[in-house]
Amino acid sequence: MRYFIVGIDPFSSCFARELILQGEEVIGIDKSSSKVEMFEDDFNSVMCADATNRELFCSLLKIAKQDVVLLFIKNDVAASLLTCSVLLELGISQIHSVYQSNEHRNLLNMLAINTDLLNDRLLVKSWSIKKKNKLKPIIYIDMDGVLADLAKGAEIHSDNKDGSFTNRPDEINGVFKDLPPIDGAIDAVNQLLASDKYDIFILTTAPWDNPSAWIDKRLWIADKFGASFEKKLIVSHRKDLLIGDYLIDDRTARGAAEFSGKHLHFGWDYEREAFNEYKDWDSILNFFKLNLD
């Protein structure tokens, strides 16, 4: 597989070096001869060309449909979109781009250009992780209130008959072991897994003063999903420290609101007594364009 980086700058050069270290061929392209000369040592080869000039671009490059193009054209939205159009006409499907604004990103997405990999908050280390897993976007899925129904489980738990744990259900010893699943959760996650489009992890917070919860959560995942999440269960009280593209979580606490990717705010908000943006698993599948109903 070859990589074409269109738009040479210090950031794109970092990506080039990372790819070359992994044994990939990387070709740099920029219309500025000074940039081409400045960063040529970071690429296998470089070329001075205007990617918006279709005839010139095609005559200079022999891009195959299986090649990957990384666009680092950020400050000229028109040039960015025009370059994407040229590449799409050539039949290139693996195109990833940076963007200047949400409007720019939306326009790119309308062209089916991937904007998950190359954005301002994404570190080169994240690219390395994705590259090792065939560029699959990373999804983190919270447990309580997303996969497992903690409220319902606490309500029927024998230790909570008097309602003493109503406002602190996560303190019930053993409550996480037999929680009922959220409606549609198991089937929806299995659809995401079966699509083979994403690298999926469970990302949950376990109560510090209820250590049995740490074990029970791991056993619950194994019971519902078999080996699908073997060694892919992460327990953290700082979800903002994780590198990834999507976080499906019913809360904004524990760093969820500061997650560097897209927070898919899920389910029912008990404080506001209203549904969050993604109220159920059907809406999640619709977001990922996997709902077959």
Protein backbone atom coordinates (compact mmCIF):
# COMPACT_ATOMS: atom_id res chain seq x y z
CA MET A 1 0.00 0.00 0.00
CA ARG A 2 1.28 3.47 -0.87
CA TYR A 3 0.45 6.75 0.86
CA PHE A 4 0.19 10.07 -0.92
CA ILE A 5 0.38 13.11 1.36
CA VAL A 6 -1.00 16.22 -0.32
CA GLY A 7 0.06 19.39 1.46
CA ILE A 8 3.51 19.29 3.00
CA ASP A 9 4.11 20.90 6.40
CA PRO A 10 5.73 19.92 9.72
CA PHE A 11 2.65 18.00 10.85
CA SER A 12 2.23 16.01 7.64
CA SER A 13 5.96 15.28 7.71
CA CYS A 14 5.51 13.68 11.13
CA PHE A 15 2.90 11.35 9.66
CA ALA A 16 5.23 10.56 6.77
CA ARG A 17 8.08 9.63 9.09
CA GLU A 18 5.80 7.42 11.19
CA LEU A 19 4.59 5.55 8.12
CA ILE A 20 8.08 5.10 6.70
CA LEU A 21 9.24 3.65 10.03
CA GLN A 22 6.49 1.07 9.60
CA GLY A 23 7.81 0.13 6.18
CA GLU A 24 5.31 2.02 4.04
CA GLU A 25 6.04 4.03 0.89
CA VAL A 26 5.10 7.69 1.28
CA ILE A 27 5.02 10.27 -1.52
CA GLY A 28 4.72 13.95 -0.65
CA ILE A 29 2.99 16.46 -2.93
CA ASP A 30 2.80 20.24 -2.63
CA LYS A 31 2.47 23.13 -5.06
CA SER A 32 5.14 25.07 -3.17
CA SER A 33 8.64 24.21 -4.40
CA SER A 34 10.15 25.65 -1.21
CA LYS A 35 8.12 23.27 0.99
CA VAL A 36 8.97 20.33 -1.24
CA GLU A 37 12.65 21.15 -0.90
CA MET A 38 12.46 21.82 2.83
CA PHE A 39 10.81 18.51 3.79
CA GLU A 40 11.98 16.17 1.04
CA ASP A 41 14.08 14.09 3.46
CA ASP A 42 10.94 13.09 5.39
CA PHE A 43 9.42 11.27 2.39
CA ASN A 44 10.42 8.44 0.10
CA SER A 45 9.86 10.87 -2.76
CA VAL A 46 8.35 14.32 -3.24
CA MET A 47 6.71 16.14 -6.12
CA CYS A 48 5.85 19.75 -6.83
CA ALA A 49 2.33 19.73 -8.27
CA ASP A 50 -1.01 21.49 -7.89
CA ALA A 51 -3.51 18.82 -6.88
CA THR A 52 -6.42 20.96 -8.08
CA ASN A 53 -5.13 20.78 -11.69
CA ARG A 54 -6.63 17.47 -12.76
CA GLU A 55 -4.76 17.08 -16.04
CA LEU A 56 -1.36 17.92 -14.54
CA PHE A 57 -2.05 15.87 -11.44
CA CYS A 58 -3.00 12.78 -13.45
CA SER A 59 -0.04 13.11 -15.82
CA LEU A 60 2.46 13.31 -12.96
CA LEU A 61 1.01 10.69 -10.64
CA LYS A 62 -0.01 7.09 -11.08
CA ILE A 63 -2.36 6.70 -8.15
CA ALA A 64 -4.01 3.30 -7.85
CA LYS A 65 -7.45 2.79 -6.35
CA GLN A 66 -6.01 0.89 -3.39
CA ASP A 67 -3.67 3.76 -2.45
CA VAL A 68 -4.38 6.00 0.54
CA VAL A 69 -4.41 9.79 0.22
CA LEU A 70 -3.91 12.04 3.24
CA LEU A 71 -4.91 15.66 2.62
CA PHE A 72 -3.29 18.39 4.68
CA ILE A 73 -4.95 21.29 2.85
CA LYS A 74 -6.51 23.21 5.71
CA ASN A 75 -6.44 26.95 5.08
CA ASP A 76 -7.88 26.86 1.56
CA VAL A 77 -11.29 25.20 1.76
CA ALA A 78 -11.96 25.55 -1.96
CA ALA A 79 -8.66 23.87 -2.85
CA SER A 80 -9.36 21.13 -0.31
CA LEU A 81 -12.77 20.32 -1.80
CA LEU A 82 -11.53 20.58 -5.38
CA THR A 83 -8.67 18.18 -4.65
CA CYS A 84 -11.14 15.74 -3.11
CA SER A 85 -13.28 15.93 -6.25
CA VAL A 86 -10.28 15.19 -8.45
CA LEU A 87 -9.33 12.18 -6.32
CA LEU A 88 -12.89 10.86 -6.30
CA GLU A 89 -13.02 11.15 -10.10
CA LEU A 90 -9.89 9.01 -10.19
CA GLY A 91 -11.69 6.34 -8.17
CA ILE A 92 -9.70 6.83 -4.96
CA SER A 93 -11.83 5.80 -1.99
CA GLN A 94 -9.37 5.96 0.91
CA ILE A 95 -9.13 9.71 1.42
CA HIS A 96 -8.50 11.31 4.81
CA SER A 97 -8.45 15.06 5.37
CA VAL A 98 -7.84 17.77 7.92
CA TYR A 99 -10.42 20.51 8.20
CA GLN A 100 -10.48 24.19 9.10
CA SER A 101 -13.91 24.40 10.71
CA ASN A 102 -17.04 22.37 11.39
CA GLU A 103 -18.49 23.71 8.14
CA HIS A 104 -15.42 22.52 6.26
CA ARG A 105 -15.67 19.12 7.93
CA ASN A 106 -19.35 18.82 7.04
CA LEU A 107 -18.61 19.59 3.39
CA LEU A 108 -15.89 16.94 3.37
CA ASN A 109 -18.22 14.44 4.99
CA MET A 110 -20.84 15.14 2.30
CA LEU A 111 -18.21 13.96 -0.19
CA ALA A 112 -17.65 10.84 1.96
CA ILE A 113 -14.17 12.03 2.92
CA ASN A 114 -12.92 10.64 6.22
CA THR A 115 -12.16 13.38 8.75
CA ASP A 116 -11.67 11.17 11.82
CA LEU A 117 -7.92 10.68 11.50
CA LEU A 118 -6.33 13.98 10.62
CA ASN A 119 -7.71 16.70 12.87
CA ASP A 120 -6.10 19.24 15.14
CA ARG A 121 -6.49 17.32 18.38
CA LEU A 122 -5.24 14.02 17.03
CA LEU A 123 -1.67 13.17 17.95
CA VAL A 124 0.77 11.31 15.73
CA LYS A 125 0.65 8.50 18.29
CA SER A 126 -3.03 8.06 17.52
CA TRP A 127 -2.20 7.67 13.85
CA SER A 128 0.31 4.95 14.77
CA ILE A 129 -2.36 3.06 16.74
CA LYS A 130 -4.82 3.28 13.86
CA LYS A 131 -2.25 2.28 11.26
CA LYS A 132 -1.53 -0.93 13.13
CA ASN A 133 -5.23 -1.76 13.04
CA LYS A 134 -5.84 -1.00 9.34
CA LEU A 135 -7.03 2.57 9.99
CA LYS A 136 -10.19 1.47 11.80
CA PRO A 137 -11.80 4.25 13.86
CA ILE A 138 -11.75 3.53 17.58
CA ILE A 139 -15.03 3.31 19.52
CA TYR A 140 -15.22 3.25 23.33
CA ILE A 141 -18.46 2.03 24.91
CA ASP A 142 -19.40 2.85 28.48
CA MET A 143 -21.14 0.15 30.55
CA ASP A 144 -23.54 1.49 33.19
CA GLY A 145 -26.56 3.10 31.57
CA VAL A 146 -25.29 2.21 28.09
CA LEU A 147 -24.80 -1.55 28.08
CA ALA A 148 -25.99 -2.54 31.55
CA ASP A 149 -29.05 -1.17 33.34
CA LEU A 150 -27.66 -0.25 36.76
CA ALA A 151 -30.85 1.55 37.85
CA LYS A 152 -33.04 -1.48 37.17
CA GLY A 153 -30.51 -3.89 38.67
CA ALA A 154 -30.28 -1.87 41.87
CA GLU A 155 -34.06 -1.59 42.12
CA ILE A 156 -34.54 -5.36 42.19
CA HIS A 157 -31.42 -6.24 44.20
CA SER A 158 -32.09 -8.01 47.48
CA ASP A 159 -29.84 -5.63 49.46
CA ASN A 160 -31.90 -2.65 48.32
CA LYS A 161 -35.38 -3.75 49.37
CA ASP A 162 -35.67 -0.79 51.72
CA GLY A 163 -34.45 1.64 49.07
CA SER A 164 -31.40 2.66 51.07
CA PHE A 165 -29.17 2.49 47.99
CA THR A 166 -31.52 4.35 45.65
CA ASN A 167 -29.15 7.33 45.30
CA ARG A 168 -25.95 5.27 45.42
CA PRO A 169 -26.67 2.04 43.52
CA ASP A 170 -23.03 1.44 42.61
CA GLU A 171 -22.24 0.81 46.30
CA ILE A 172 -24.35 -2.36 46.46
CA ASN A 173 -22.06 -5.34 46.87
CA GLY A 174 -22.38 -7.64 43.86
CA VAL A 175 -24.86 -5.42 42.00
CA PHE A 176 -22.81 -5.37 38.79
CA LYS A 177 -22.69 -9.14 38.43
CA ASP A 178 -26.24 -9.75 37.19
CA LEU A 179 -27.35 -6.42 35.75
CA PRO A 180 -29.95 -6.66 32.97
CA PRO A 181 -28.76 -5.26 29.65
CA ILE A 182 -30.06 -1.99 28.26
CA ASP A 183 -32.72 -2.61 25.59
CA GLY A 184 -31.11 -3.37 22.25
CA ALA A 185 -27.55 -3.04 23.55
CA ILE A 186 -26.31 -6.58 22.99
CA ASP A 187 -27.65 -6.88 19.45
CA ALA A 188 -26.41 -3.41 18.52
CA VAL A 189 -22.88 -4.01 19.78
CA ASN A 190 -22.80 -7.33 17.96
CA GLN A 191 -23.77 -5.48 14.77
CA LEU A 192 -20.90 -3.04 15.29
CA LEU A 193 -18.53 -5.96 15.86
CA ALA A 194 -19.81 -7.86 12.82
CA SER A 195 -19.33 -4.82 10.55
CA ASP A 196 -15.55 -5.12 11.12
CA LYS A 197 -15.30 -1.37 10.48
CA TYR A 198 -14.27 -0.30 13.97
CA ASP A 199 -11.82 -1.12 16.74
CA ILE A 200 -14.15 -1.37 19.75
CA PHE A 201 -13.30 -1.22 23.45
CA ILE A 202 -15.34 -1.20 26.65
CA LEU A 203 -14.46 1.89 28.71
CA THR A 204 -16.04 1.98 32.15
CA THR A 205 -15.57 3.49 35.58
CA ALA A 206 -15.77 1.21 38.61
CA PRO A 207 -16.54 2.51 42.13
CA TRP A 208 -13.39 2.73 44.22
CA ASP A 209 -15.09 1.58 47.43
CA ASN A 210 -16.81 -1.42 45.83
CA PRO A 211 -13.88 -3.54 44.60
CA SER A 212 -16.09 -6.51 43.65
CA ALA A 213 -17.46 -4.29 40.87
CA TRP A 214 -14.14 -4.45 39.03
CA ILE A 215 -14.36 -8.24 38.78
CA ASP A 216 -18.12 -8.32 38.19
CA LYS A 217 -17.88 -5.94 35.23
CA ARG A 218 -15.29 -8.12 33.55
CA LEU A 219 -17.45 -11.23 34.12
CA TRP A 220 -20.57 -9.43 32.82
CA ILE A 221 -18.83 -8.52 29.56
CA ALA A 222 -17.59 -12.08 29.09
CA ASP A 223 -21.07 -13.47 29.78
CA LYS A 224 -22.76 -11.17 27.24
CA PHE A 225 -20.11 -11.03 24.51
CA GLY A 226 -17.94 -14.10 24.96
CA ALA A 227 -14.34 -13.45 23.89
CA SER A 228 -15.17 -10.42 21.72
CA PHE A 229 -13.75 -8.01 24.29
CA GLU A 230 -10.98 -10.16 25.71
CA LYS A 231 -8.26 -7.75 26.88
CA LYS A 232 -10.32 -4.85 25.49
CA LEU A 233 -11.95 -3.79 28.76
CA ILE A 234 -10.56 -0.52 30.14
CA VAL A 235 -11.38 0.76 33.62
CA SER A 236 -10.58 4.43 34.09
CA HIS A 237 -11.77 7.46 36.01
CA ARG A 238 -10.23 9.74 33.34
CA LYS A 239 -11.90 9.00 30.02
CA ASP A 240 -10.44 12.17 28.53
CA LEU A 241 -6.99 10.55 28.53
CA LEU A 242 -8.01 7.88 26.01
CA ILE A 243 -7.17 8.33 22.32
CA GLY A 244 -10.04 7.47 20.01
CA ASP A 245 -12.77 8.64 17.65
CA TYR A 246 -16.07 7.91 19.41
CA LEU A 247 -17.21 7.53 23.01
CA ILE A 248 -20.72 6.19 23.65
CA ASP A 249 -21.49 7.35 27.19
CA ASP A 250 -24.59 8.44 29.09
CA ARG A 251 -22.72 10.95 31.22
CA THR A 252 -20.33 13.87 30.85
CA ALA A 253 -18.46 13.11 34.09
CA ARG A 254 -15.13 11.30 34.46
CA GLY A 255 -13.66 13.11 31.46
CA ALA A 256 -16.38 12.09 28.99
CA ALA A 257 -17.18 15.72 28.17
CA GLU A 258 -13.50 16.39 27.43
CA PHE A 259 -12.98 13.28 25.27
CA SER A 260 -10.91 14.29 22.22
CA GLY A 261 -13.15 12.46 19.74
CA LYS A 262 -16.93 12.65 19.34
CA HIS A 263 -18.99 12.02 22.46
CA LEU A 264 -22.20 10.22 21.51
CA HIS A 265 -24.26 11.30 24.52
CA PHE A 266 -26.49 8.30 25.12
CA GLY A 267 -29.70 7.40 26.91
CA TRP A 268 -31.71 9.04 29.66
CA ASP A 269 -30.42 11.91 31.75
CA TYR A 270 -31.81 11.42 35.26
CA GLU A 271 -30.79 14.88 36.40
CA ARG A 272 -32.49 16.75 33.53
CA GLU A 273 -35.22 14.10 33.21
CA ALA A 274 -34.82 14.13 29.44
CA PHE A 275 -33.23 12.01 26.75
CA ASN A 276 -29.72 12.81 25.62
CA GLU A 277 -28.91 13.34 21.93
CA TYR A 278 -28.74 9.58 21.21
CA LYS A 279 -31.64 8.20 23.19
CA ASP A 280 -31.31 4.50 22.33
CA TRP A 281 -29.24 1.97 20.43
CA ASP A 282 -31.27 2.41 17.25
CA SER A 283 -30.07 6.01 17.10
CA ILE A 284 -26.47 4.83 17.59
CA LEU A 285 -26.78 2.32 14.75
CA ASN A 286 -28.31 5.03 12.57
CA PHE A 287 -25.32 7.26 13.31
CA PHE A 288 -22.94 4.53 12.20
CA LYS A 289 -25.25 3.71 9.25
CA LEU A 290 -25.66 0.12 10.45
CA ASN A 291 -29.38 0.01 11.20
CA LEU A 292 -30.78 -2.49 8.72
CA ASP A 293 -34.43 -2.14 9.80
